[in-house]
Amino acid sequence: MDDELSAVREQPSPREEELVVRVAQRLVPSIGFFFWGFLYGIVALSLCTLATMSGLVLLPQALVHPMTGERIGMFVLVGAALFALSWLPFAAWVDRRREAMRRLIRDGELIEGQISMAQSMTLNGAPITYVALQFENQGVTGRGHFAVTNPRIEFAVGQSLPLLVATGNPHAATFVEGSAVAVKLKPMSSSAGAPVSS
């Protein structure tokens, strides 16, 4: 595998589309969207089914009309249409997430971040290390966190990590053994009272 950190360092922004697409796919893999889409689909289907069943029960009483097979079919079609339309917000979220990562790789600036906390744990039998970090960018202190599942990689408080950031982007990326790892940023605050130690 090519060293993604070296590739990002070697290319000034805006970076080449091939690199942008390759690194962005690592940061937001499709398998993650399948997982969230599965959960979203369960909720959306439940709500649309509830709305359809409520209409089947309540509307005939309000209109004082018997429920015929034709009307039942109409309600089922309406419920199916609602379920299809309910995926529009999810699709928009996926597009926004992917575009945010592409902008980050294309236009981001490499700075240094410092680890403020590193905690190893076991989740469902699998090792995972949760890492929090902080950084300064344009006079503002930022904080974020990420997780890795490789137990042989060790992190220490105070350790410096390369960090790719872009103004206005809620995500960042660090690089572990040369490979990009997504970092979720927290809201930034003034650095006046909380400087990052050097």
Protein backbone atom coordinates (compact mmCIF):
# COMPACT_ATOMS: atom_id res chain seq x y z
CA MET A 1 0.00 0.00 0.00
CA ASP A 2 1.31 3.45 -0.85
CA ASP A 3 2.14 5.74 2.04
CA GLU A 4 -0.85 8.10 2.06
CA LEU A 5 0.85 10.58 4.38
CA SER A 6 3.79 10.97 2.00
CA ALA A 7 1.45 11.41 -0.95
CA VAL A 8 -0.52 14.13 0.84
CA ARG A 9 2.67 15.90 1.89
CA GLU A 10 4.14 15.81 -1.61
CA GLN A 11 1.10 17.32 -3.33
CA PRO A 12 0.16 20.95 -2.65
CA SER A 13 -3.53 21.78 -2.47
CA PRO A 14 -5.67 21.40 -4.43
CA ARG A 15 -4.46 17.80 -4.61
CA GLU A 16 -4.98 15.46 -7.55
CA GLU A 17 -8.37 13.79 -7.85
CA GLU A 18 -6.91 10.27 -7.87
CA LEU A 19 -5.37 10.83 -4.44
CA VAL A 20 -8.49 12.59 -3.17
CA VAL A 21 -10.76 9.69 -4.15
CA ARG A 22 -8.37 6.99 -2.86
CA VAL A 23 -7.88 8.50 0.59
CA ALA A 24 -11.51 9.60 0.95
CA GLN A 25 -12.68 6.03 0.31
CA ARG A 26 -10.54 4.87 3.21
CA LEU A 27 -11.92 7.57 5.51
CA VAL A 28 -15.58 6.95 4.60
CA PRO A 29 -15.84 3.31 3.43
CA SER A 30 -19.11 2.14 1.91
CA ILE A 31 -19.49 -0.60 4.52
CA GLY A 32 -20.07 2.07 7.16
CA PHE A 33 -22.94 3.55 5.17
CA PHE A 34 -24.47 0.07 4.75
CA PHE A 35 -24.54 -0.32 8.53
CA TRP A 36 -26.16 3.07 9.15
CA GLY A 37 -28.48 2.52 6.18
CA PHE A 38 -29.68 -0.75 7.71
CA LEU A 39 -30.53 0.97 10.98
CA TYR A 40 -32.11 3.91 9.15
CA GLY A 41 -34.19 1.54 7.04
CA ILE A 42 -35.59 -0.22 10.10
CA VAL A 43 -36.67 3.07 11.66
CA ALA A 44 -38.06 4.47 8.40
CA LEU A 45 -40.00 1.28 7.64
CA SER A 46 -41.45 1.20 11.15
CA LEU A 47 -42.61 4.83 10.98
CA CYS A 48 -44.10 4.45 7.49
CA THR A 49 -45.89 1.25 8.51
CA LEU A 50 -47.27 2.99 11.59
CA ALA A 51 -48.48 5.94 9.50
CA THR A 52 -50.11 3.62 6.96
CA MET A 53 -51.85 1.50 9.61
CA SER A 54 -53.05 4.62 11.41
CA GLY A 55 -54.55 5.88 8.17
CA LEU A 56 -56.27 2.55 7.54
CA VAL A 57 -57.85 2.64 11.00
CA LEU A 58 -58.61 6.32 11.56
CA LEU A 59 -59.53 7.71 8.13
CA PRO A 60 -62.52 5.43 7.47
CA GLN A 61 -63.92 6.41 10.87
CA ALA A 62 -63.46 10.10 10.12
CA LEU A 63 -65.07 9.84 6.68
CA VAL A 64 -67.72 7.33 7.80
CA HIS A 65 -66.94 5.15 4.77
CA PRO A 66 -66.19 1.45 4.68
CA MET A 67 -62.64 0.45 3.80
CA THR A 68 -62.68 -1.28 0.43
CA GLY A 69 -59.90 -3.28 -1.16
CA GLU A 70 -59.19 -0.38 -3.50
CA ARG A 71 -58.73 2.02 -0.60
CA ILE A 72 -56.46 -0.46 1.20
CA GLY A 73 -54.34 -0.72 -1.94
CA MET A 74 -54.14 3.07 -2.12
CA PHE A 75 -52.91 3.29 1.47
CA VAL A 76 -50.28 0.62 0.81
CA LEU A 77 -49.03 2.58 -2.21
CA VAL A 78 -48.93 5.78 -0.17
CA GLY A 79 -46.95 3.99 2.55
CA ALA A 80 -44.50 2.64 -0.02
CA ALA A 81 -44.08 6.12 -1.50
CA LEU A 82 -43.42 7.58 1.97
CA PHE A 83 -40.81 4.90 2.62
CA ALA A 84 -39.07 5.66 -0.68
CA LEU A 85 -39.11 9.41 -0.02
CA SER A 86 -37.79 8.89 3.51
CA TRP A 87 -34.44 7.82 2.02
CA LEU A 88 -33.80 11.26 0.55
CA PRO A 89 -32.41 12.72 3.82
CA PHE A 90 -30.16 9.70 4.27
CA ALA A 91 -28.84 9.99 0.71
CA ALA A 92 -28.19 13.70 1.26
CA TRP A 93 -26.28 12.92 4.48
CA VAL A 94 -24.11 10.36 2.67
CA ASP A 95 -23.33 12.89 -0.07
CA ARG A 96 -22.45 15.59 2.48
CA ARG A 97 -20.18 13.23 4.42
CA ARG A 98 -18.33 12.06 1.32
CA GLU A 99 -17.98 15.58 -0.07
CA ALA A 100 -16.65 16.85 3.27
CA MET A 101 -13.94 14.18 3.22
CA ARG A 102 -13.09 14.92 -0.42
CA ARG A 103 -12.74 18.62 0.40
CA LEU A 104 -10.55 17.74 3.37
CA ILE A 105 -8.13 15.68 1.26
CA ARG A 106 -8.19 18.11 -1.65
CA ASP A 107 -7.72 21.37 0.25
CA GLY A 108 -6.63 20.43 3.78
CA GLU A 109 -3.52 21.70 5.54
CA LEU A 110 -1.13 19.40 7.41
CA ILE A 111 -0.42 20.50 10.97
CA GLU A 112 0.72 18.74 14.17
CA GLY A 113 -1.66 17.41 16.79
CA GLN A 114 -0.87 16.12 20.27
CA ILE A 115 -2.41 13.10 21.94
CA SER A 116 -4.16 14.10 25.16
CA MET A 117 -5.56 10.67 26.03
CA ALA A 118 -5.14 7.10 24.78
CA GLN A 119 -7.19 4.24 26.18
CA SER A 120 -7.16 0.60 25.09
CA MET A 121 -10.23 -1.56 25.64
CA THR A 122 -12.03 -4.61 24.35
CA LEU A 123 -15.35 -4.22 22.55
CA ASN A 124 -17.29 -7.41 21.80
CA GLY A 125 -14.06 -9.34 22.11
CA ALA A 126 -12.13 -7.11 19.70
CA PRO A 127 -9.30 -4.80 20.84
CA ILE A 128 -9.80 -1.10 20.18
CA THR A 129 -7.80 1.98 21.14
CA TYR A 130 -9.61 5.27 21.62
CA VAL A 131 -7.39 8.33 21.14
CA ALA A 132 -8.18 11.98 21.92
CA LEU A 133 -5.99 14.76 20.61
CA GLN A 134 -5.73 18.54 20.52
CA PHE A 135 -4.13 21.01 18.17
CA GLU A 136 -3.76 24.68 17.34
CA ASN A 137 -4.76 26.09 13.99
CA GLN A 138 -4.93 29.80 13.14
CA GLY A 139 -4.91 30.78 16.83
CA VAL A 140 -7.72 28.43 17.78
CA THR A 141 -7.46 25.29 19.90
CA GLY A 142 -9.19 22.27 18.39
CA ARG A 143 -9.92 18.84 19.80
CA GLY A 144 -10.92 15.58 18.25
CA HIS A 145 -10.90 11.81 18.65
CA PHE A 146 -10.46 8.65 16.64
CA ALA A 147 -10.19 4.91 17.18
CA VAL A 148 -7.98 2.15 15.79
CA THR A 149 -8.40 -1.62 16.02
CA ASN A 150 -4.79 -2.68 15.54
CA PRO A 151 -3.56 -3.80 19.01
CA ARG A 152 0.14 -3.61 18.09
CA ILE A 153 -0.02 0.17 17.52
CA GLU A 154 0.78 2.05 20.71
CA PHE A 155 -0.05 5.66 21.49
CA ALA A 156 1.30 7.84 24.31
CA VAL A 157 0.00 11.05 25.86
CA GLY A 158 1.98 13.98 24.44
CA GLN A 159 2.89 12.10 21.27
CA SER A 160 2.66 14.21 18.11
CA LEU A 161 0.63 13.07 15.11
CA PRO A 162 0.25 14.65 11.67
CA LEU A 163 -3.23 16.08 11.26
CA LEU A 164 -4.98 17.19 8.09
CA VAL A 165 -7.51 19.98 8.74
CA ALA A 166 -9.58 22.35 6.61
CA THR A 167 -11.39 25.49 7.75
CA GLY A 168 -15.09 24.86 8.34
CA ASN A 169 -14.81 21.08 7.95
CA PRO A 170 -16.22 19.08 10.91
CA HIS A 171 -13.81 16.24 10.15
CA ALA A 172 -10.05 15.87 10.07
CA ALA A 173 -7.64 13.06 9.32
CA THR A 174 -4.57 11.78 11.06
CA PHE A 175 -2.11 9.23 9.74
CA VAL A 176 -1.16 6.05 11.57
CA GLU A 177 1.77 4.16 10.06
CA GLY A 178 1.23 6.21 6.90
CA SER A 179 -2.47 5.36 6.48
CA ALA A 180 -5.27 7.89 6.86
CA VAL A 181 -7.63 7.61 9.84
CA ALA A 182 -10.76 9.76 10.19
CA VAL A 183 -10.87 12.16 13.15
CA LYS A 184 -14.12 13.52 14.51
CA LEU A 185 -13.62 17.11 15.63
CA LYS A 186 -15.27 18.80 18.59
CA PRO A 187 -16.42 22.44 18.47
CA MET A 188 -13.41 24.74 18.56
CA SER A 189 -12.71 27.25 21.31
CA SER A 190 -10.40 30.19 21.80
CA SER A 191 -6.85 29.15 22.57
CA ALA A 192 -6.28 32.04 24.96
CA GLY A 193 -7.00 30.01 28.05
CA ALA A 194 -6.00 26.57 26.82
CA PRO A 195 -2.75 26.60 24.93
CA VAL A 196 -1.37 23.42 23.46
CA SER A 197 1.89 22.54 25.17
CA SER A 198 4.93 22.25 22.95
